[in-house]
Amino acid sequence: MLSGFGLRTFWAIVVVVVAAIAVFAITSGVQGAIVTLVGGIAAALVAAGTGDDASEIAAVPAPPPPSILDEVLDAIIEPVLLIRDGRVSIANTAARALLGQHIVGDDARVAIRHPAAAERLSEAEPLGIERPIELVGLGTRDQRWEMRVGEASDGQRIVHLIDQTGNYAAERMRVDFVANASHELRTPLASILGFIETLSDEAGEDAMVRTRFLKVMDDEAQRMLRLIEDLISLSRIEAEKYRLPDHPVDLVALVAEVRSELADGAGARGRDLVGEVDTAIPAVSGDRVQLSQMLHNLIGNAMKYGRAGTPVTVSLRRDDSGMVRLSVRDEGEGIAAVHIPRLTERFYRADAGRSRSVGGTGLGLAIVKHIVERHRGRLDIVSQVGVGTTVMVILPPAKVAVTKG
């Protein structure tokens, strides 16, 4: 009851009341007693405001500063939680970002919201040799996490969530790559073995049949050779992707050289090659062999997939931002929009039958993408069904060394 005013405030008011009674008894004046009473109480309250209550307010403890443990956990970029008696006692910034800002104090099984995690965290016995637990769909549907649980000396459990989405995607790509490569190699090999078996029988005695079969076998062997060469090339480019090429390459001369090579070997189709080249563009920093391979793949694709007799236009110019822009445009059947985001994936084909019929390995655009990335450029593909396709490569110009005189 006295906590609002404080004990000293109470006794001060008692003294004022006694003084007012004394004034009334001595002077017999009610007015003087009232003045004494009101003034004394007011003085007591003012004194209380700067005395007892001020000390009581000052005695209220300030919020504690963040502990060194909180700061250490927040510096960890992966989600970490401490769990005491089944509830989240501490969650670092990454954990709150993933699971929600409200999770501190929540039941750990509700905070993480995953059956495998809930089952593990509900176990009361001490932890033995801890096995990581895979959590699929935590955060977003495509994310994959690995949960590891440790135990502190005070009995708290330490939950560490490790994002394995990138590793899983890389492993999936590796498995798909091996499966696709095996399939692409097995198909022509099976064809070759089949024709060899046929030739070893009576069919081999017919000269015309033998010639036709040997032609097919040669075509399939050449297909296998192209695939193996592309696989080796892709592996080499990936191994060098972090090493920036620094040799100046004259793209004007290189484009002319590749156009001449392809035109000479393409018969009538070679006459469809059209050049729109700005001869004043600067050199680029690059690997000449890889840039030549990129041009062969892009122009070769346009010649194969464009309609016969329609132009294949190779354009080379400098855009408004100073970047060197190469584009190869055909007037073929075009590609549906649904396929465009996946065209640079290994072995992905918008039309598998047509691609194989023209000798494609399914690795051409994947190789182009890795070459462009190594050269710190950008690859864009624009296509319209029934109109044609344009592939654009944007590369930075070579830096000109400034010599001091």
Protein backbone atom coordinates (compact mmCIF):
# COMPACT_ATOMS: atom_id res chain seq x y z
CA MET A 1 0.00 0.00 0.00
CA LEU A 2 2.84 2.36 0.85
CA SER A 3 4.96 1.38 -2.13
CA GLY A 4 3.44 4.13 -4.34
CA PHE A 5 4.53 7.00 -2.08
CA GLY A 6 7.34 5.41 -0.17
CA LEU A 7 7.69 5.17 3.59
CA ARG A 8 9.41 8.53 4.03
CA THR A 9 6.68 10.29 2.05
CA PHE A 10 4.03 8.79 4.31
CA TRP A 11 5.74 10.00 7.50
CA ALA A 12 6.30 13.46 5.99
CA ILE A 13 2.56 13.82 5.41
CA VAL A 14 1.87 12.65 8.97
CA VAL A 15 4.22 15.38 10.27
CA VAL A 16 2.46 18.01 8.12
CA VAL A 17 -0.95 16.97 9.47
CA VAL A 18 0.31 17.22 13.08
CA ALA A 19 1.79 20.65 12.31
CA ALA A 20 -1.53 21.86 10.86
CA ILE A 21 -3.37 20.67 14.00
CA ALA A 22 -0.85 22.53 16.15
CA VAL A 23 -1.32 25.73 14.14
CA PHE A 24 -5.08 25.47 14.56
CA ALA A 25 -4.75 24.86 18.32
CA ILE A 26 -2.45 27.87 18.83
CA THR A 27 -4.11 30.42 16.52
CA SER A 28 -7.65 29.06 16.48
CA GLY A 29 -7.59 30.00 12.78
CA VAL A 30 -8.94 27.45 10.34
CA GLN A 31 -7.52 29.33 7.34
CA GLY A 32 -3.94 29.20 8.64
CA ALA A 33 -4.25 25.50 9.45
CA ILE A 34 -5.52 24.74 5.93
CA VAL A 35 -2.69 26.73 4.34
CA THR A 36 -0.19 24.88 6.49
CA LEU A 37 -1.75 21.52 5.63
CA VAL A 38 -1.96 22.08 1.85
CA GLY A 39 1.50 23.62 1.57
CA GLY A 40 3.10 20.93 3.65
CA ILE A 41 1.50 18.09 1.69
CA ALA A 42 2.51 19.73 -1.63
CA ALA A 43 6.09 20.10 -0.41
CA ALA A 44 6.11 16.47 0.73
CA LEU A 45 4.86 15.26 -2.66
CA VAL A 46 7.41 17.35 -4.55
CA ALA A 47 10.14 15.99 -2.32
CA ALA A 48 8.82 12.50 -2.94
CA GLY A 49 8.94 13.04 -6.70
CA THR A 50 12.63 13.89 -6.56
CA GLY A 51 13.45 11.58 -3.72
CA ASP A 52 11.87 8.24 -2.98
CA ASP A 53 10.22 7.64 -6.37
CA ALA A 54 13.27 8.85 -8.29
CA SER A 55 15.41 6.40 -6.41
CA GLU A 56 12.85 3.68 -7.03
CA ILE A 57 12.82 4.48 -10.79
CA ALA A 58 16.59 4.57 -10.88
CA ALA A 59 16.61 1.19 -9.20
CA VAL A 60 14.73 -0.44 -12.14
CA PRO A 61 17.38 -2.49 -13.99
CA ALA A 62 18.08 -1.64 -17.65
CA PRO A 63 17.64 -4.40 -20.26
CA PRO A 64 20.76 -6.55 -20.27
CA PRO A 65 23.11 -6.02 -23.24
CA PRO A 66 23.45 -8.91 -25.74
CA SER A 67 25.68 -11.63 -24.38
CA ILE A 68 28.86 -12.68 -26.13
CA LEU A 69 27.12 -16.01 -26.94
CA ASP A 70 24.35 -14.19 -28.81
CA GLU A 71 26.92 -12.22 -30.79
CA VAL A 72 28.91 -15.34 -31.65
CA LEU A 73 25.82 -17.23 -32.80
CA ASP A 74 24.59 -14.29 -34.89
CA ALA A 75 27.96 -14.23 -36.66
CA ILE A 76 27.37 -17.80 -37.89
CA ILE A 77 25.73 -17.69 -41.30
CA GLU A 78 23.95 -21.02 -40.85
CA PRO A 79 20.93 -21.51 -38.56
CA VAL A 80 21.85 -22.50 -34.99
CA LEU A 81 19.43 -23.01 -32.08
CA LEU A 82 19.85 -23.86 -28.40
CA ILE A 83 17.05 -25.95 -26.92
CA ARG A 84 16.36 -26.34 -23.20
CA ASP A 85 13.59 -28.62 -21.92
CA GLY A 86 12.17 -28.97 -25.41
CA ARG A 87 11.89 -25.22 -26.06
CA VAL A 88 14.04 -22.86 -28.10
CA SER A 89 16.07 -20.77 -25.65
CA ILE A 90 18.32 -19.04 -28.21
CA ALA A 91 18.12 -18.76 -32.01
CA ASN A 92 20.64 -16.88 -34.10
CA THR A 93 19.71 -14.43 -36.86
CA ALA A 94 19.92 -17.08 -39.60
CA ALA A 95 17.61 -19.42 -37.67
CA ARG A 96 15.02 -16.68 -37.12
CA ALA A 97 15.19 -15.72 -40.79
CA LEU A 98 14.53 -19.33 -41.82
CA LEU A 99 11.98 -20.38 -39.19
CA GLY A 100 10.43 -17.07 -38.08
CA GLN A 101 11.26 -14.27 -35.68
CA HIS A 102 8.89 -15.68 -33.04
CA ILE A 103 10.55 -19.06 -32.44
CA VAL A 104 12.43 -18.18 -29.22
CA GLY A 105 10.38 -19.73 -26.43
CA ASP A 106 8.43 -22.01 -28.79
CA ASP A 107 8.39 -25.78 -28.60
CA ALA A 108 11.31 -26.88 -30.77
CA ARG A 109 9.14 -29.37 -32.67
CA VAL A 110 6.75 -26.57 -33.62
CA ALA A 111 9.55 -24.16 -34.46
CA ILE A 112 11.26 -26.47 -36.96
CA ARG A 113 8.03 -28.08 -38.25
CA HIS A 114 9.43 -31.24 -39.76
CA PRO A 115 8.45 -34.80 -38.79
CA ALA A 116 12.02 -36.15 -38.80
CA ALA A 117 13.25 -33.21 -36.72
CA ALA A 118 10.33 -33.48 -34.29
CA GLU A 119 11.01 -37.19 -33.76
CA ARG A 120 14.69 -36.59 -33.09
CA LEU A 121 14.14 -33.63 -30.75
CA SER A 122 11.47 -35.45 -28.74
CA GLU A 123 13.92 -38.17 -27.70
CA ALA A 124 14.68 -37.71 -24.01
CA GLU A 125 17.69 -39.99 -23.66
CA PRO A 126 21.22 -38.55 -23.93
CA LEU A 127 22.66 -38.27 -27.40
CA GLY A 128 24.93 -41.02 -28.59
CA ILE A 129 26.82 -41.01 -31.86
CA GLU A 130 24.85 -38.39 -33.69
CA ARG A 131 23.62 -39.11 -37.18
CA PRO A 132 22.70 -36.21 -39.46
CA ILE A 133 19.03 -35.96 -40.38
CA GLU A 134 17.93 -34.84 -43.85
CA LEU A 135 15.12 -32.30 -43.91
CA VAL A 136 13.42 -31.84 -47.29
CA GLY A 137 11.17 -28.83 -47.87
CA LEU A 138 12.20 -26.81 -44.83
CA GLY A 139 12.06 -23.13 -45.81
CA THR A 140 11.00 -23.71 -49.43
CA ARG A 141 9.89 -26.83 -51.25
CA ASP A 142 13.18 -27.22 -53.14
CA GLN A 143 15.52 -26.65 -50.19
CA ARG A 144 17.33 -29.53 -48.53
CA TRP A 145 18.87 -29.21 -45.06
CA GLU A 146 20.98 -31.43 -42.88
CA MET A 147 20.21 -31.23 -39.16
CA ARG A 148 22.91 -32.08 -36.64
CA VAL A 149 22.16 -32.18 -32.91
CA GLY A 150 24.79 -31.85 -30.19
CA GLU A 151 24.60 -31.60 -26.42
CA ALA A 152 26.09 -28.89 -24.19
CA SER A 153 27.49 -29.55 -20.71
CA ASP A 154 24.42 -27.97 -19.08
CA GLY A 155 22.04 -30.31 -20.90
CA GLN A 156 20.97 -27.90 -23.63
CA ARG A 157 20.80 -29.28 -27.13
CA ILE A 158 22.59 -27.51 -29.94
CA VAL A 159 20.79 -27.76 -33.28
CA HIS A 160 22.80 -26.88 -36.40
CA LEU A 161 21.06 -26.68 -39.77
CA ILE A 162 23.31 -26.99 -42.84
CA ASP A 163 21.98 -26.01 -46.27
CA GLN A 164 22.70 -28.89 -48.65
CA THR A 165 20.58 -27.60 -51.55
CA GLY A 166 23.59 -26.72 -53.70
CA ASN A 167 25.36 -30.01 -53.01
CA TYR A 168 22.22 -31.97 -53.80
CA ALA A 169 21.71 -30.08 -57.08
CA ALA A 170 25.35 -30.68 -58.05
CA GLU A 171 25.08 -34.39 -57.27
CA ARG A 172 21.86 -34.64 -59.25
CA MET A 173 23.52 -32.93 -62.20
CA ARG A 174 26.45 -35.36 -61.98
CA VAL A 175 24.16 -38.40 -61.91
CA ASP A 176 22.09 -37.06 -64.82
CA PHE A 177 25.24 -36.24 -66.75
CA VAL A 178 26.69 -39.74 -66.35
CA ALA A 179 23.34 -41.32 -67.28
CA ASN A 180 22.90 -39.13 -70.36
CA ALA A 181 26.51 -39.56 -71.51
CA SER A 182 26.23 -43.33 -71.12
CA HIS A 183 23.02 -43.36 -73.13
CA GLU A 184 24.44 -41.15 -75.89
CA LEU A 185 27.50 -43.39 -76.22
CA ARG A 186 25.60 -46.66 -75.97
CA THR A 187 23.18 -45.86 -78.80
CA PRO A 188 25.75 -45.53 -81.62
CA LEU A 189 27.88 -48.31 -80.11
CA ALA A 190 24.93 -50.70 -80.17
CA SER A 191 24.29 -49.73 -83.78
CA ILE A 192 27.91 -50.40 -84.75
CA LEU A 193 27.95 -53.78 -83.00
CA GLY A 194 24.70 -54.75 -84.68
CA PHE A 195 26.02 -53.95 -88.15
CA ILE A 196 29.28 -55.78 -87.44
CA GLU A 197 27.28 -58.88 -86.51
CA THR A 198 25.18 -58.57 -89.65
CA LEU A 199 28.25 -58.15 -91.86
CA SER A 200 29.82 -61.23 -90.34
CA ASP A 201 26.89 -63.25 -91.69
CA GLU A 202 25.91 -63.73 -95.30
CA ALA A 203 24.96 -60.07 -95.75
CA GLY A 204 28.65 -59.19 -95.80
CA GLU A 205 29.06 -60.97 -99.11
CA ASP A 206 26.86 -58.44 -100.91
CA ALA A 207 29.06 -55.49 -101.92
CA MET A 208 26.21 -52.95 -101.94
CA VAL A 209 24.94 -54.04 -98.55
CA ARG A 210 28.45 -54.06 -97.14
CA THR A 211 29.10 -50.53 -98.44
CA ARG A 212 25.83 -49.21 -97.01
CA PHE A 213 26.42 -50.84 -93.63
CA LEU A 214 29.99 -49.59 -93.45
CA LYS A 215 28.73 -46.06 -94.19
CA VAL A 216 26.27 -46.28 -91.30
CA MET A 217 28.96 -47.64 -89.01
CA ASP A 218 31.29 -44.81 -89.98
CA ASP A 219 28.57 -42.23 -89.28
CA GLU A 220 27.87 -43.72 -85.85
CA ALA A 221 31.57 -43.89 -85.03
CA GLN A 222 31.97 -40.23 -86.05
CA ARG A 223 29.01 -39.37 -83.82
CA MET A 224 30.69 -41.11 -80.89
CA LEU A 225 33.93 -39.28 -81.65
CA ARG A 226 32.17 -35.89 -81.69
CA LEU A 227 30.50 -36.67 -78.40
CA ILE A 228 33.76 -37.71 -76.76
CA GLU A 229 35.50 -34.60 -78.09
CA ASP A 230 32.69 -32.40 -76.74
CA LEU A 231 32.87 -34.12 -73.35
CA ILE A 232 36.62 -33.57 -73.17
CA SER A 233 36.21 -29.97 -74.31
CA LEU A 234 33.50 -29.29 -71.72
CA SER A 235 35.63 -30.81 -68.97
CA ARG A 236 38.61 -28.67 -69.96
CA ILE A 237 36.56 -25.45 -70.08
CA GLU A 238 35.04 -26.15 -66.66
CA ALA A 239 38.49 -26.78 -65.21
CA GLU A 240 39.64 -23.36 -66.43
CA LYS A 241 36.51 -21.37 -65.63
CA TYR A 242 38.09 -19.51 -62.71
CA ARG A 243 41.15 -18.48 -64.72
CA LEU A 244 40.30 -15.32 -66.61
CA PRO A 245 41.77 -15.36 -70.15
CA ASP A 246 43.93 -12.31 -70.77
CA HIS A 247 45.15 -12.54 -74.38
CA PRO A 248 43.73 -9.94 -76.80
CA VAL A 249 41.64 -11.61 -79.52
CA ASP A 250 40.58 -9.85 -82.72
CA LEU A 251 36.98 -11.02 -83.09
CA VAL A 252 36.62 -9.38 -86.50
CA ALA A 253 39.35 -11.60 -87.94
CA LEU A 254 38.17 -14.64 -86.02
CA VAL A 255 34.57 -14.30 -87.25
CA ALA A 256 35.80 -14.00 -90.85
CA GLU A 257 37.98 -17.09 -90.41
CA VAL A 258 35.20 -19.24 -88.95
CA ARG A 259 32.69 -18.08 -91.56
CA SER A 260 35.11 -19.05 -94.34
CA GLU A 261 35.75 -22.50 -92.82
CA LEU A 262 32.05 -23.27 -92.40
CA ALA A 263 31.08 -21.90 -95.81
CA ASP A 264 33.69 -24.04 -97.57
CA GLY A 265 32.46 -27.21 -95.93
CA ALA A 266 28.70 -26.63 -96.18
CA GLY A 267 28.16 -26.68 -99.95
CA ALA A 268 25.14 -24.66 -101.06
CA ARG A 269 24.24 -23.86 -97.46
CA GLY A 270 27.54 -22.01 -97.12
CA ARG A 271 26.26 -19.33 -99.50
CA ASP A 272 23.54 -18.46 -96.99
CA LEU A 273 26.05 -17.02 -94.51
CA VAL A 274 25.67 -13.25 -94.21
CA GLY A 275 28.06 -11.00 -92.27
CA GLU A 276 27.22 -7.66 -90.63
CA VAL A 277 30.54 -6.85 -89.01
CA ASP A 278 31.72 -3.50 -87.68
CA THR A 279 35.44 -3.64 -88.37
CA ALA A 280 36.17 -0.89 -85.83
CA ILE A 281 35.25 -2.88 -82.74
CA PRO A 282 38.06 -3.44 -80.19
CA ALA A 283 39.69 -6.73 -79.32
CA VAL A 284 38.43 -8.77 -76.37
CA SER A 285 40.44 -10.50 -73.66
CA GLY A 286 40.00 -14.14 -74.36
CA ASP A 287 41.09 -17.63 -75.26
CA ARG A 288 41.20 -17.73 -79.07
CA VAL A 289 40.68 -21.49 -79.31
CA GLN A 290 37.61 -21.39 -77.09
CA LEU A 291 36.14 -18.34 -78.83
CA SER A 292 36.63 -20.11 -82.17
CA GLN A 293 34.83 -23.16 -80.76
CA MET A 294 31.99 -20.92 -79.56
CA LEU A 295 31.62 -19.40 -83.05
CA HIS A 296 31.69 -22.82 -84.73
CA ASN A 297 28.95 -24.08 -82.41
CA LEU A 298 26.68 -21.03 -82.78
CA ILE A 299 27.04 -20.57 -86.54
CA GLY A 300 26.99 -24.32 -87.15
CA ASN A 301 23.74 -24.68 -85.17
CA ALA A 302 22.13 -21.84 -87.11
CA MET A 303 23.09 -23.47 -90.42
CA LYS A 304 21.78 -26.88 -89.33
CA TYR A 305 18.49 -25.75 -87.80
CA GLY A 306 17.68 -22.86 -90.12
CA ARG A 307 15.65 -23.58 -93.24
CA ALA A 308 17.72 -24.28 -96.34
CA GLY A 309 18.03 -21.23 -98.59
CA THR A 310 17.34 -18.76 -95.75
CA PRO A 311 20.10 -16.45 -94.49
CA VAL A 312 22.20 -17.09 -91.40
CA THR A 313 23.24 -13.63 -90.24
CA VAL A 314 26.36 -13.14 -88.14
CA SER A 315 26.47 -9.68 -86.59
CA LEU A 316 29.36 -8.14 -84.68
CA ARG A 317 29.17 -4.63 -83.26
CA ARG A 318 29.71 -2.52 -80.17
CA ASP A 319 26.64 -1.55 -78.18
CA ASP A 320 25.87 1.70 -76.37
CA SER A 321 27.50 0.48 -73.15
CA GLY A 322 30.79 -0.22 -74.92
CA MET A 323 30.43 -4.01 -74.79
CA VAL A 324 31.14 -6.17 -77.84
CA ARG A 325 27.93 -7.82 -79.04
CA LEU A 326 27.95 -10.91 -81.25
CA SER A 327 24.67 -12.29 -82.58
CA VAL A 328 23.85 -15.23 -84.83
CA ARG A 329 20.36 -15.27 -86.34
CA ASP A 330 18.65 -18.01 -88.36
CA GLU A 331 15.25 -18.28 -90.01
CA GLY A 332 14.33 -21.75 -88.92
CA GLU A 333 11.39 -23.36 -87.13
CA GLY A 334 12.14 -21.51 -83.92
CA ILE A 335 12.00 -22.82 -80.35
CA ALA A 336 9.01 -22.76 -77.98
CA ALA A 337 9.48 -20.45 -74.98
CA VAL A 338 9.17 -23.37 -72.53
CA HIS A 339 12.44 -24.86 -73.82
CA ILE A 340 14.62 -21.72 -73.86
CA PRO A 341 15.64 -21.66 -70.14
CA ARG A 342 16.98 -25.24 -70.45
CA LEU A 343 18.76 -25.06 -73.80
CA THR A 344 22.18 -24.68 -72.17
CA GLU A 345 21.74 -27.81 -70.02
CA ARG A 346 23.87 -30.76 -71.03
CA PHE A 347 22.07 -33.15 -73.37
CA TYR A 348 18.85 -31.13 -73.29
CA ARG A 349 17.16 -31.05 -76.67
CA ALA A 350 14.00 -29.21 -77.69
CA ASP A 351 13.58 -31.76 -80.51
CA ALA A 352 15.69 -34.83 -79.72
CA GLY A 353 14.95 -36.65 -82.99
CA ARG A 354 15.85 -33.71 -85.19
CA SER A 355 18.96 -32.93 -83.17
CA ARG A 356 20.34 -36.44 -83.60
CA SER A 357 19.42 -36.52 -87.29
CA VAL A 358 21.63 -33.47 -87.96
CA GLY A 359 24.48 -34.83 -85.86
CA GLY A 360 24.00 -32.85 -82.66
CA THR A 361 25.55 -34.13 -79.43
CA GLY A 362 23.36 -32.10 -77.07
CA LEU A 363 26.43 -30.36 -75.62
CA GLY A 364 26.96 -27.46 -78.05
CA LEU A 365 25.12 -24.73 -76.14
CA ALA A 366 26.38 -26.05 -72.78
CA ILE A 367 29.93 -25.56 -74.10
CA VAL A 368 29.03 -22.07 -75.37
CA LYS A 369 27.58 -21.13 -71.98
CA HIS A 370 30.73 -22.18 -70.13
CA ILE A 371 32.99 -20.35 -72.60
CA VAL A 372 30.95 -17.17 -72.23
CA GLU A 373 30.99 -17.46 -68.42
CA ARG A 374 34.75 -17.94 -68.40
CA HIS A 375 35.10 -14.75 -70.49
CA ARG A 376 32.84 -12.90 -68.01
CA GLY A 377 30.23 -12.34 -70.69
CA ARG A 378 26.51 -12.93 -71.07
CA LEU A 379 24.52 -15.32 -73.26
CA ASP A 380 20.96 -14.56 -74.39
CA ILE A 381 18.67 -16.66 -76.58
CA VAL A 382 15.57 -15.22 -78.25
CA SER A 383 13.32 -17.36 -80.43
CA GLN A 384 9.90 -17.29 -82.03
CA VAL A 385 8.22 -20.40 -83.36
CA GLY A 386 7.96 -20.26 -87.13
CA VAL A 387 10.24 -17.22 -87.40
CA GLY A 388 13.67 -18.22 -86.16
CA THR A 389 16.21 -17.94 -83.37
CA THR A 390 18.81 -15.37 -82.39
CA VAL A 391 21.66 -16.19 -80.03
CA MET A 392 23.52 -13.19 -78.58
CA VAL A 393 26.86 -13.14 -76.78
CA ILE A 394 28.01 -9.98 -75.01
CA LEU A 395 31.70 -9.74 -74.09
CA PRO A 396 33.73 -7.00 -72.39
CA PRO A 397 36.41 -5.35 -74.54
CA ALA A 398 40.06 -5.87 -73.67
CA LYS A 399 41.53 -3.33 -71.29
CA VAL A 400 44.02 -1.08 -73.00
CA ALA A 401 47.27 -0.80 -71.09
CA VAL A 402 48.25 2.82 -70.49
CA THR A 403 51.98 3.49 -70.88
CA LYS A 404 53.51 6.39 -69.02
CA GLY A 405 55.88 8.54 -70.95
